[in-house]
Amino acid sequence: MKYLIVLFMASFISVAGLRAQENVLLYPGAIPGSKPTPVDFKEVIEHGKDGILRVSKVSQPTLSVFLPAKEKATGAAVIICPGGGYGILAIGHEGYGVAKKFNEIGVAAFVLKYRLPDNAIMQDKSFGPLQDAQQAIYELRKNALKWNINPDKIGVMGFSAGGHLAASLTVHYGDVKIENKEKLDLRPNFSVLIYPVISFRESPHTGSAKNLAGPNATEAQKDYFSNERYVNAQTPVTFLVHANDDQTVPVENSVVFNQALVKAGVKSEMHLYQGGGHGFGLNNKTTADQWFDRLVNWMKANKII
């Protein structure tokens, strides 16, 4: 496996006290379904005045590895997909900060810097992010011994559009988009969706839909990426969080997914807050309640930790 040290990115992580143990190239060789990267297609990293760390123009996806102290390790692991409307990655407060929180409870965390949909570097941009998510869980299962994780306790987590990506992996893990000669299972063992985009049909987030499938998405694309339509009895147990006053991604996205889970007989838990808006990461400032504490209890109840 090849390794990538991104010095500029590492400086941001270090400043926040969130240095990953390693940054791993997601693909050991050529990326299936990719186009040669144009010379002027350069990754952009911005630390905004609003305190949000944004990454865009990703052509080389990576996993940032955050491992817990050995004496704390539970064997559980989670792949974290930051949000950003499939246009950028809010990789700080919806990625590295969350990874550190998981380490505190003995869970290994892997922040996925996935490729954002772009016709310049992908043959079919609508499947690029899902391909990266499948490759991520493939790498975790393949390297479970190396990272001291239990291959039967690997989950996926996502925020906003990253929640759509996590939900897509949750329901489309069987529609394999990667090379998988070992036939490793790409099904997550659990799913955590935080103010997620779920549907391109019911209360859609038009920005995410346009960036992923284009302005003229086909009916087949709208159906495929309406993840609530593909929930079945084999869908992993799921934890959802949303705010009722979310004006960016309507709360109905979480509601319809939870309804589908209940109908399919899949264990799920959903926490709806009266306020908080969108993009609050770990800290919903409208309440003293911490949704991450609820998540820990849910993980214990489902014997994940």
C-alpha atoms as a PDB file:
ATOM      1  CA  MET A   1       0.000   0.000   0.000  1.00  0.00           C
ATOM      2  CA  LYS A   2       1.255   3.443  -0.870  1.00  0.00           C
ATOM      3  CA  TYR A   3       1.317   6.311   1.578  1.00  0.00           C
ATOM      4  CA  LEU A   4       0.748   9.995   1.023  1.00  0.00           C
ATOM      5  CA  ILE A   5       2.023  12.708   3.310  1.00  0.00           C
ATOM      6  CA  VAL A   6       0.160  15.916   2.605  1.00  0.00           C
ATOM      7  CA  LEU A   7       2.256  18.516   4.407  1.00  0.00           C
ATOM      8  CA  PHE A   8      -0.097  21.450   3.905  1.00  0.00           C
ATOM      9  CA  MET A   9      -3.095  19.501   5.130  1.00  0.00           C
ATOM     10  CA  ALA A  10      -1.103  17.994   7.984  1.00  0.00           C
ATOM     11  CA  SER A  11      -0.273  21.486   9.225  1.00  0.00           C
ATOM     12  CA  PHE A  12      -3.985  22.250   9.666  1.00  0.00           C
ATOM     13  CA  ILE A  13      -4.558  18.971  11.461  1.00  0.00           C
ATOM     14  CA  SER A  14      -1.580  19.553  13.730  1.00  0.00           C
ATOM     15  CA  VAL A  15      -2.700  23.064  14.660  1.00  0.00           C
ATOM     16  CA  ALA A  16      -5.993  21.639  15.848  1.00  0.00           C
ATOM     17  CA  GLY A  17      -4.166  18.932  17.791  1.00  0.00           C
ATOM     18  CA  LEU A  18      -5.705  16.337  15.537  1.00  0.00           C
ATOM     19  CA  ARG A  19      -2.748  14.793  13.760  1.00  0.00           C
ATOM     20  CA  ALA A  20      -3.587  11.530  12.028  1.00  0.00           C
ATOM     21  CA  GLN A  21      -1.177   8.643  12.526  1.00  0.00           C
ATOM     22  CA  GLU A  22      -0.968   8.299   8.758  1.00  0.00           C
ATOM     23  CA  ASN A  23      -2.606   9.443   5.536  1.00  0.00           C
ATOM     24  CA  VAL A  24      -3.121   6.530   3.192  1.00  0.00           C
ATOM     25  CA  LEU A  25      -3.781   6.623  -0.530  1.00  0.00           C
ATOM     26  CA  LEU A  26      -7.169   5.011  -1.063  1.00  0.00           C
ATOM     27  CA  TYR A  27      -6.148   3.224  -4.261  1.00  0.00           C
ATOM     28  CA  PRO A  28      -2.792   1.425  -4.487  1.00  0.00           C
ATOM     29  CA  GLY A  29      -2.659   2.018  -8.251  1.00  0.00           C
ATOM     30  CA  ALA A  30      -4.770   3.568 -10.960  1.00  0.00           C
ATOM     31  CA  ILE A  31      -8.287   4.582  -9.978  1.00  0.00           C
ATOM     32  CA  PRO A  32     -10.860   2.568 -11.958  1.00  0.00           C
ATOM     33  CA  GLY A  33     -13.179   4.745 -14.023  1.00  0.00           C
ATOM     34  CA  SER A  34     -10.985   7.818 -13.723  1.00  0.00           C
ATOM     35  CA  LYS A  35      -9.640  10.130 -16.403  1.00  0.00           C
ATOM     36  CA  PRO A  36      -6.104  11.535 -16.482  1.00  0.00           C
ATOM     37  CA  THR A  37      -6.044  14.511 -14.131  1.00  0.00           C
ATOM     38  CA  PRO A  38      -5.636  17.798 -16.042  1.00  0.00           C
ATOM     39  CA  VAL A  39      -2.476  19.706 -15.123  1.00  0.00           C
ATOM     40  CA  ASP A  40      -4.514  22.658 -13.861  1.00  0.00           C
ATOM     41  CA  PHE A  41      -6.713  20.481 -11.625  1.00  0.00           C
ATOM     42  CA  LYS A  42      -5.124  21.162  -8.241  1.00  0.00           C
ATOM     43  CA  GLU A  43      -6.458  20.345  -4.790  1.00  0.00           C
ATOM     44  CA  VAL A  44      -7.609  23.442  -2.908  1.00  0.00           C
ATOM     45  CA  ILE A  45      -7.425  23.782   0.888  1.00  0.00           C
ATOM     46  CA  GLU A  46      -9.030  26.780   2.559  1.00  0.00           C
ATOM     47  CA  HIS A  47      -9.380  27.725   6.212  1.00  0.00           C
ATOM     48  CA  GLY A  48     -12.281  30.182   6.150  1.00  0.00           C
ATOM     49  CA  LYS A  49     -12.980  33.123   8.426  1.00  0.00           C
ATOM     50  CA  ASP A  50     -15.916  31.101   9.738  1.00  0.00           C
ATOM     51  CA  GLY A  51     -13.407  28.578  11.098  1.00  0.00           C
ATOM     52  CA  ILE A  52     -14.409  25.882   8.630  1.00  0.00           C
ATOM     53  CA  LEU A  53     -11.637  23.921   6.925  1.00  0.00           C
ATOM     54  CA  ARG A  54     -12.676  23.258   3.326  1.00  0.00           C
ATOM     55  CA  VAL A  55     -11.084  20.973   0.757  1.00  0.00           C
ATOM     56  CA  SER A  56     -12.055  20.844  -2.916  1.00  0.00           C
ATOM     57  CA  LYS A  57     -10.751  19.625  -6.274  1.00  0.00           C
ATOM     58  CA  VAL A  58      -9.806  16.236  -4.823  1.00  0.00           C
ATOM     59  CA  SER A  59      -8.288  13.952  -7.466  1.00  0.00           C
ATOM     60  CA  GLN A  60      -6.349  11.616  -5.151  1.00  0.00           C
ATOM     61  CA  PRO A  61      -8.635  10.279  -2.383  1.00  0.00           C
ATOM     62  CA  THR A  62      -7.114   9.354   0.968  1.00  0.00           C
ATOM     63  CA  LEU A  63      -7.912   7.913   4.360  1.00  0.00           C
ATOM     64  CA  SER A  64      -6.632   9.808   7.396  1.00  0.00           C
ATOM     65  CA  VAL A  65      -6.089   7.185  10.078  1.00  0.00           C
ATOM     66  CA  PHE A  66      -6.875   7.976  13.722  1.00  0.00           C
ATOM     67  CA  LEU A  67      -6.276   5.015  16.033  1.00  0.00           C
ATOM     68  CA  PRO A  68      -7.180   4.932  19.733  1.00  0.00           C
ATOM     69  CA  ALA A  69      -4.681   4.084  22.440  1.00  0.00           C
ATOM     70  CA  LYS A  70      -4.152   0.315  22.490  1.00  0.00           C
ATOM     71  CA  GLU A  71      -5.433   0.006  26.041  1.00  0.00           C
ATOM     72  CA  LYS A  72      -8.694   1.713  24.998  1.00  0.00           C
ATOM     73  CA  ALA A  73      -9.251   0.007  21.656  1.00  0.00           C
ATOM     74  CA  THR A  74     -12.606  -1.769  21.345  1.00  0.00           C
ATOM     75  CA  GLY A  75     -11.975  -3.164  17.870  1.00  0.00           C
ATOM     76  CA  ALA A  76     -14.751  -1.025  16.396  1.00  0.00           C
ATOM     77  CA  ALA A  77     -13.994   1.306  13.489  1.00  0.00           C
ATOM     78  CA  VAL A  78     -15.826   3.988  11.542  1.00  0.00           C
ATOM     79  CA  ILE A  79     -15.297   5.622   8.151  1.00  0.00           C
ATOM     80  CA  ILE A  80     -16.208   9.328   8.344  1.00  0.00           C
ATOM     81  CA  CYS A  81     -17.518  11.133   5.245  1.00  0.00           C
ATOM     82  CA  PRO A  82     -17.488  14.948   5.659  1.00  0.00           C
ATOM     83  CA  GLY A  83     -20.249  17.010   4.093  1.00  0.00           C
ATOM     84  CA  GLY A  84     -20.170  19.942   1.713  1.00  0.00           C
ATOM     85  CA  GLY A  85     -22.885  19.485  -0.895  1.00  0.00           C
ATOM     86  CA  TYR A  86     -20.621  17.329  -3.080  1.00  0.00           C
ATOM     87  CA  GLY A  87     -18.824  20.605  -3.870  1.00  0.00           C
ATOM     88  CA  ILE A  88     -16.351  20.832  -0.990  1.00  0.00           C
ATOM     89  CA  LEU A  89     -15.422  18.758   2.060  1.00  0.00           C
ATOM     90  CA  ALA A  90     -15.895  20.357   5.492  1.00  0.00           C
ATOM     91  CA  ILE A  91     -13.152  18.064   6.649  1.00  0.00           C
ATOM     92  CA  GLY A  92     -12.327  19.728   9.977  1.00  0.00           C
ATOM     93  CA  HIS A  93     -15.458  19.832  12.132  1.00  0.00           C
ATOM     94  CA  GLU A  94     -17.144  17.018  10.165  1.00  0.00           C
ATOM     95  CA  GLY A  95     -14.030  14.897   9.908  1.00  0.00           C
ATOM     96  CA  TYR A  96     -10.901  15.247  12.036  1.00  0.00           C
ATOM     97  CA  GLY A  97     -12.667  16.591  15.128  1.00  0.00           C
ATOM     98  CA  VAL A  98     -15.154  13.734  15.050  1.00  0.00           C
ATOM     99  CA  ALA A  99     -12.365  11.185  14.581  1.00  0.00           C
ATOM    100  CA  LYS A 100     -10.673  12.414  17.759  1.00  0.00           C
ATOM    101  CA  LYS A 101     -13.954  12.044  19.635  1.00  0.00           C
ATOM    102  CA  PHE A 102     -14.250   8.430  18.515  1.00  0.00           C
ATOM    103  CA  ASN A 103     -10.693   7.719  19.660  1.00  0.00           C
ATOM    104  CA  GLU A 104     -11.680   8.824  23.170  1.00  0.00           C
ATOM    105  CA  ILE A 105     -14.182   5.938  23.342  1.00  0.00           C
ATOM    106  CA  GLY A 106     -11.782   3.392  21.856  1.00  0.00           C
ATOM    107  CA  VAL A 107     -13.055   3.467  18.273  1.00  0.00           C
ATOM    108  CA  ALA A 108     -10.661   3.678  15.327  1.00  0.00           C
ATOM    109  CA  ALA A 109     -11.677   6.433  12.910  1.00  0.00           C
ATOM    110  CA  PHE A 110     -10.807   6.904   9.257  1.00  0.00           C
ATOM    111  CA  VAL A 111     -11.611  10.255   7.652  1.00  0.00           C
ATOM    112  CA  LEU A 112     -12.380   9.738   3.981  1.00  0.00           C
ATOM    113  CA  LYS A 113     -11.204  12.525   1.705  1.00  0.00           C
ATOM    114  CA  TYR A 114     -13.323  11.396  -1.208  1.00  0.00           C
ATOM    115  CA  ARG A 115     -13.309  12.706  -4.756  1.00  0.00           C
ATOM    116  CA  LEU A 116     -15.983  15.266  -5.469  1.00  0.00           C
ATOM    117  CA  PRO A 117     -18.042  14.667  -8.626  1.00  0.00           C
ATOM    118  CA  ASP A 118     -16.300  16.200 -11.628  1.00  0.00           C
ATOM    119  CA  ASN A 119     -16.453  15.264 -15.309  1.00  0.00           C
ATOM    120  CA  ALA A 120     -12.853  16.429 -15.706  1.00  0.00           C
ATOM    121  CA  ILE A 121     -11.489  13.476 -13.717  1.00  0.00           C
ATOM    122  CA  MET A 122     -14.278  10.861 -13.823  1.00  0.00           C
ATOM    123  CA  GLN A 123     -15.915   8.869 -16.597  1.00  0.00           C
ATOM    124  CA  ASP A 124     -19.175   8.894 -14.607  1.00  0.00           C
ATOM    125  CA  LYS A 125     -19.052  11.517 -11.892  1.00  0.00           C
ATOM    126  CA  SER A 126     -22.243  10.307 -10.206  1.00  0.00           C
ATOM    127  CA  PHE A 127     -20.548   7.114  -9.026  1.00  0.00           C
ATOM    128  CA  GLY A 128     -17.126   8.518  -8.078  1.00  0.00           C
ATOM    129  CA  PRO A 129     -17.887   9.197  -4.393  1.00  0.00           C
ATOM    130  CA  LEU A 130     -19.680   5.855  -3.901  1.00  0.00           C
ATOM    131  CA  GLN A 131     -16.726   4.095  -5.476  1.00  0.00           C
ATOM    132  CA  ASP A 132     -14.404   5.778  -2.966  1.00  0.00           C
ATOM    133  CA  ALA A 133     -16.652   4.786  -0.047  1.00  0.00           C
ATOM    134  CA  GLN A 134     -16.666   1.169  -1.212  1.00  0.00           C
ATOM    135  CA  GLN A 135     -12.887   1.262  -1.595  1.00  0.00           C
ATOM    136  CA  ALA A 136     -12.575   2.627   1.936  1.00  0.00           C
ATOM    137  CA  ILE A 137     -14.465  -0.248   3.535  1.00  0.00           C
ATOM    138  CA  TYR A 138     -12.514  -2.657   1.321  1.00  0.00           C
ATOM    139  CA  GLU A 139      -9.239  -1.231   2.658  1.00  0.00           C
ATOM    140  CA  LEU A 140     -10.409  -1.440   6.278  1.00  0.00           C
ATOM    141  CA  ARG A 141     -11.438  -5.081   5.964  1.00  0.00           C
ATOM    142  CA  LYS A 142      -8.268  -5.950   4.071  1.00  0.00           C
ATOM    143  CA  ASN A 143      -6.055  -4.262   6.682  1.00  0.00           C
ATOM    144  CA  ALA A 144      -8.077  -5.045   9.796  1.00  0.00           C
ATOM    145  CA  LEU A 145      -5.200  -6.869  11.489  1.00  0.00           C
ATOM    146  CA  LYS A 146      -2.756  -4.048  10.780  1.00  0.00           C
ATOM    147  CA  TRP A 147      -5.059  -1.441  12.321  1.00  0.00           C
ATOM    148  CA  ASN A 148      -6.251  -3.684  15.163  1.00  0.00           C
ATOM    149  CA  ILE A 149      -9.899  -3.522  14.156  1.00  0.00           C
ATOM    150  CA  ASN A 150     -12.658  -6.121  14.103  1.00  0.00           C
ATOM    151  CA  PRO A 151     -13.799  -6.651  10.479  1.00  0.00           C
ATOM    152  CA  ASP A 152     -17.305  -7.325  11.806  1.00  0.00           C
ATOM    153  CA  LYS A 153     -17.513  -3.942  13.565  1.00  0.00           C
ATOM    154  CA  ILE A 154     -16.818  -1.487  10.750  1.00  0.00           C
ATOM    155  CA  GLY A 155     -19.330   1.293  10.231  1.00  0.00           C
ATOM    156  CA  VAL A 156     -19.818   4.329   8.028  1.00  0.00           C
ATOM    157  CA  MET A 157     -20.728   7.837   9.123  1.00  0.00           C
ATOM    158  CA  GLY A 158     -21.592  10.935   7.155  1.00  0.00           C
ATOM    159  CA  PHE A 159     -22.678  14.545   7.560  1.00  0.00           C
ATOM    160  CA  SER A 160     -25.020  16.310   5.121  1.00  0.00           C
ATOM    161  CA  ALA A 161     -23.923  15.290   1.590  1.00  0.00           C
ATOM    162  CA  GLY A 162     -21.417  12.999   3.297  1.00  0.00           C
ATOM    163  CA  GLY A 163     -24.487  11.503   4.952  1.00  0.00           C
ATOM    164  CA  HIS A 164     -25.900  10.877   1.493  1.00  0.00           C
ATOM    165  CA  LEU A 165     -22.668   9.114   0.575  1.00  0.00           C
ATOM    166  CA  ALA A 166     -22.764   7.056   3.788  1.00  0.00           C
ATOM    167  CA  ALA A 167     -26.422   6.195   3.168  1.00  0.00           C
ATOM    168  CA  SER A 168     -25.600   5.246  -0.428  1.00  0.00           C
ATOM    169  CA  LEU A 169     -22.955   2.809   0.805  1.00  0.00           C
ATOM    170  CA  THR A 170     -25.433   1.569   3.419  1.00  0.00           C
ATOM    171  CA  VAL A 171     -27.972   0.526   0.769  1.00  0.00           C
ATOM    172  CA  HIS A 172     -25.846   0.056  -2.383  1.00  0.00           C
ATOM    173  CA  TYR A 173     -22.923  -1.929  -0.942  1.00  0.00           C
ATOM    174  CA  GLY A 174     -23.903  -4.863  -3.171  1.00  0.00           C
ATOM    175  CA  ASP A 175     -23.656  -2.814  -6.371  1.00  0.00           C
ATOM    176  CA  VAL A 176     -19.885  -3.125  -6.541  1.00  0.00           C
ATOM    177  CA  LYS A 177     -18.066  -0.275  -8.299  1.00  0.00           C
ATOM    178  CA  ILE A 178     -14.480  -1.262  -7.438  1.00  0.00           C
ATOM    179  CA  GLU A 179     -12.017  -4.049  -8.137  1.00  0.00           C
ATOM    180  CA  ASN A 180     -12.610  -6.626  -5.413  1.00  0.00           C
ATOM    181  CA  LYS A 181     -10.729  -9.760  -6.382  1.00  0.00           C
ATOM    182  CA  GLU A 182     -10.852 -11.068  -2.811  1.00  0.00           C
ATOM    183  CA  LYS A 183     -14.662 -10.717  -2.784  1.00  0.00           C
ATOM    184  CA  LEU A 184     -14.492  -8.874   0.529  1.00  0.00           C
ATOM    185  CA  ASP A 185     -17.830  -7.895   2.042  1.00  0.00           C
ATOM    186  CA  LEU A 186     -18.474  -4.190   1.399  1.00  0.00           C
ATOM    187  CA  ARG A 187     -21.485  -4.002   3.720  1.00  0.00           C
ATOM    188  CA  PRO A 188     -21.019  -1.665   6.701  1.00  0.00           C
ATOM    189  CA  ASN A 189     -21.951  -3.188  10.056  1.00  0.00           C
ATOM    190  CA  PHE A 190     -23.589   0.049  11.180  1.00  0.00           C
ATOM    191  CA  SER A 191     -24.445   3.461   9.795  1.00  0.00           C
ATOM    192  CA  VAL A 192     -24.442   6.906  11.447  1.00  0.00           C
ATOM    193  CA  LEU A 193     -26.163   9.700   9.519  1.00  0.00           C
ATOM    194  CA  ILE A 194     -25.972  13.282  10.787  1.00  0.00           C
ATOM    195  CA  TYR A 195     -28.339  15.802   9.138  1.00  0.00           C
ATOM    196  CA  PRO A 196     -28.025  13.675   5.985  1.00  0.00           C
ATOM    197  CA  VAL A 197     -29.176  14.239   2.457  1.00  0.00           C
ATOM    198  CA  ILE A 198     -31.134  11.048   1.785  1.00  0.00           C
ATOM    199  CA  SER A 199     -33.495  11.505  -1.127  1.00  0.00           C
ATOM    200  CA  PHE A 200     -33.387  13.056  -4.583  1.00  0.00           C
ATOM    201  CA  ARG A 201     -37.174  12.639  -4.659  1.00  0.00           C
ATOM    202  CA  GLU A 202     -38.528  13.570  -1.222  1.00  0.00           C
ATOM    203  CA  SER A 203     -37.459  17.036   0.064  1.00  0.00           C
ATOM    204  CA  PRO A 204     -34.188  16.950  -1.892  1.00  0.00           C
ATOM    205  CA  HIS A 205     -31.154  19.155  -1.363  1.00  0.00           C
ATOM    206  CA  THR A 206     -30.906  20.503  -4.896  1.00  0.00           C
ATOM    207  CA  GLY A 207     -27.246  21.521  -4.592  1.00  0.00           C
ATOM    208  CA  SER A 208     -26.080  18.014  -3.724  1.00  0.00           C
ATOM    209  CA  ALA A 209     -28.291  16.477  -6.415  1.00  0.00           C
ATOM    210  CA  LYS A 210     -27.022  18.857  -9.080  1.00  0.00           C
ATOM    211  CA  ASN A 211     -23.366  18.376  -8.138  1.00  0.00           C
ATOM    212  CA  LEU A 212     -23.647  14.583  -8.059  1.00  0.00           C
ATOM    213  CA  ALA A 213     -25.950  13.793 -10.978  1.00  0.00           C
ATOM    214  CA  GLY A 214     -25.871  17.029 -12.960  1.00  0.00           C
ATOM    215  CA  PRO A 215     -28.616  19.541 -13.758  1.00  0.00           C
ATOM    216  CA  ASN A 216     -30.430  17.071 -16.017  1.00  0.00           C
ATOM    217  CA  ALA A 217     -30.466  13.944 -13.866  1.00  0.00           C
ATOM    218  CA  THR A 218     -32.351  11.033 -15.377  1.00  0.00           C
ATOM    219  CA  GLU A 219     -35.293   9.445 -13.620  1.00  0.00           C
ATOM    220  CA  ALA A 220     -33.119   6.371 -13.049  1.00  0.00           C
ATOM    221  CA  GLN A 221     -30.466   8.506 -11.333  1.00  0.00           C
ATOM    222  CA  LYS A 222     -33.043  10.230  -9.137  1.00  0.00           C
ATOM    223  CA  ASP A 223     -34.358   6.838  -8.069  1.00  0.00           C
ATOM    224  CA  TYR A 224     -30.927   5.264  -7.478  1.00  0.00           C
ATOM    225  CA  PHE A 225     -29.763   8.110  -5.262  1.00  0.00           C
ATOM    226  CA  SER A 226     -33.021   8.259  -3.282  1.00  0.00           C
ATOM    227  CA  ASN A 227     -31.609   5.923  -0.683  1.00  0.00           C
ATOM    228  CA  GLU A 228     -34.825   5.385   1.272  1.00  0.00           C
ATOM    229  CA  ARG A 229     -36.098   3.358  -1.695  1.00  0.00           C
ATOM    230  CA  TYR A 230     -33.406   0.700  -1.298  1.00  0.00           C
ATOM    231  CA  VAL A 231     -33.696  -0.103   2.402  1.00  0.00           C
ATOM    232  CA  ASN A 232     -34.364  -3.778   3.067  1.00  0.00           C
ATOM    233  CA  ALA A 233     -34.013  -6.331   5.851  1.00  0.00           C
ATOM    234  CA  GLN A 234     -30.233  -6.556   5.228  1.00  0.00           C
ATOM    235  CA  THR A 235     -29.648  -2.821   5.675  1.00  0.00           C
ATOM    236  CA  PRO A 236     -27.274  -2.156   8.614  1.00  0.00           C
ATOM    237  CA  VAL A 237     -28.523  -0.780  11.931  1.00  0.00           C
ATOM    238  CA  THR A 238     -28.650   2.996  11.707  1.00  0.00           C
ATOM    239  CA  PHE A 239     -28.430   6.062  13.963  1.00  0.00           C
ATOM    240  CA  LEU A 240     -29.761   9.419  12.727  1.00  0.00           C
ATOM    241  CA  VAL A 241     -29.573  13.023  13.965  1.00  0.00           C
ATOM    242  CA  HIS A 242     -31.327  16.073  12.503  1.00  0.00           C
ATOM    243  CA  ALA A 243     -32.690  19.472  13.526  1.00  0.00           C
ATOM    244  CA  ASN A 244     -36.314  20.329  12.816  1.00  0.00           C
ATOM    245  CA  ASP A 245     -35.333  23.843  11.735  1.00  0.00           C
ATOM    246  CA  ASP A 246     -32.750  22.701   9.170  1.00  0.00           C
ATOM    247  CA  GLN A 247     -33.336  25.040   6.218  1.00  0.00           C
ATOM    248  CA  THR A 248     -30.595  23.486   4.074  1.00  0.00           C
ATOM    249  CA  VAL A 249     -31.428  19.781   4.207  1.00  0.00           C
ATOM    250  CA  PRO A 250     -35.040  19.331   5.356  1.00  0.00           C
ATOM    251  CA  VAL A 251     -35.581  17.040   8.331  1.00  0.00           C
ATOM    252  CA  GLU A 252     -37.854  14.906   6.142  1.00  0.00           C
ATOM    253  CA  ASN A 253     -34.701  13.324   4.723  1.00  0.00           C
ATOM    254  CA  SER A 254     -33.934  11.599   8.031  1.00  0.00           C
ATOM    255  CA  VAL A 255     -37.616  10.905   8.683  1.00  0.00           C
ATOM    256  CA  VAL A 256     -38.220   9.039   5.412  1.00  0.00           C
ATOM    257  CA  PHE A 257     -35.073   6.959   5.890  1.00  0.00           C
ATOM    258  CA  ASN A 258     -36.047   6.022   9.428  1.00  0.00           C
ATOM    259  CA  GLN A 259     -39.556   5.132   8.254  1.00  0.00           C
ATOM    260  CA  ALA A 260     -38.067   2.829   5.626  1.00  0.00           C
ATOM    261  CA  LEU A 261     -35.838   1.197   8.250  1.00  0.00           C
ATOM    262  CA  VAL A 262     -38.780   0.589  10.583  1.00  0.00           C
ATOM    263  CA  LYS A 263     -40.856  -0.846   7.743  1.00  0.00           C
ATOM    264  CA  ALA A 264     -38.008  -3.224   6.825  1.00  0.00           C
ATOM    265  CA  GLY A 265     -37.562  -4.350  10.436  1.00  0.00           C
ATOM    266  CA  VAL A 266     -34.088  -2.812  10.764  1.00  0.00           C
ATOM    267  CA  LYS A 267     -33.044  -1.503  14.183  1.00  0.00           C
ATOM    268  CA  SER A 268     -32.697   2.262  14.114  1.00  0.00           C
ATOM    269  CA  GLU A 269     -32.626   5.275  16.406  1.00  0.00           C
ATOM    270  CA  MET A 270     -33.370   8.870  15.420  1.00  0.00           C
ATOM    271  CA  HIS A 271     -32.816  12.049  17.435  1.00  0.00           C
ATOM    272  CA  LEU A 272     -34.589  15.202  16.281  1.00  0.00           C
ATOM    273  CA  TYR A 273     -33.716  18.540  17.870  1.00  0.00           C
ATOM    274  CA  GLN A 274     -36.101  21.486  17.815  1.00  0.00           C
ATOM    275  CA  GLY A 275     -33.241  23.771  16.783  1.00  0.00           C
ATOM    276  CA  GLY A 276     -29.703  23.699  15.503  1.00  0.00           C
ATOM    277  CA  GLY A 277     -30.041  24.416  11.818  1.00  0.00           C
ATOM    278  CA  HIS A 278     -27.538  22.712   9.551  1.00  0.00           C
ATOM    279  CA  GLY A 279     -23.844  21.918   9.734  1.00  0.00           C
ATOM    280  CA  PHE A 280     -23.378  22.028  13.506  1.00  0.00           C
ATOM    281  CA  GLY A 281     -21.000  19.067  13.609  1.00  0.00           C
ATOM    282  CA  LEU A 282     -20.518  17.776  17.143  1.00  0.00           C
ATOM    283  CA  ASN A 283     -21.873  20.924  18.786  1.00  0.00           C
ATOM    284  CA  ASN A 284     -25.521  21.879  18.462  1.00  0.00           C
ATOM    285  CA  LYS A 285     -25.402  25.202  20.291  1.00  0.00           C
ATOM    286  CA  THR A 286     -29.167  25.348  20.845  1.00  0.00           C
ATOM    287  CA  THR A 287     -29.134  22.567  23.431  1.00  0.00           C
ATOM    288  CA  ALA A 288     -27.038  21.241  26.293  1.00  0.00           C
ATOM    289  CA  ASP A 289     -27.735  17.753  24.996  1.00  0.00           C
ATOM    290  CA  GLN A 290     -24.843  16.095  23.184  1.00  0.00           C
ATOM    291  CA  TRP A 291     -25.911  13.798  20.371  1.00  0.00           C
ATOM    292  CA  PHE A 292     -22.538  12.049  20.481  1.00  0.00           C
ATOM    293  CA  ASP A 293     -23.390  10.814  23.990  1.00  0.00           C
ATOM    294  CA  ARG A 294     -26.605   9.357  22.552  1.00  0.00           C
ATOM    295  CA  LEU A 295     -24.550   7.700  19.842  1.00  0.00           C
ATOM    296  CA  VAL A 296     -22.244   6.086  22.407  1.00  0.00           C
ATOM    297  CA  ASN A 297     -25.246   4.647  24.250  1.00  0.00           C
ATOM    298  CA  TRP A 298     -26.664   3.331  20.970  1.00  0.00           C
ATOM    299  CA  MET A 299     -23.348   1.713  20.024  1.00  0.00           C
ATOM    300  CA  LYS A 300     -23.256  -0.007  23.413  1.00  0.00           C
ATOM    301  CA  ALA A 301     -26.872  -1.165  23.095  1.00  0.00           C
ATOM    302  CA  ASN A 302     -26.038  -2.732  19.727  1.00  0.00           C
ATOM    303  CA  LYS A 303     -22.824  -4.312  21.080  1.00  0.00           C
ATOM    304  CA  ILE A 304     -20.631  -2.343  18.688  1.00  0.00           C
ATOM    305  CA  ILE A 305     -18.493  -1.198  21.615  1.00  0.00           C
END
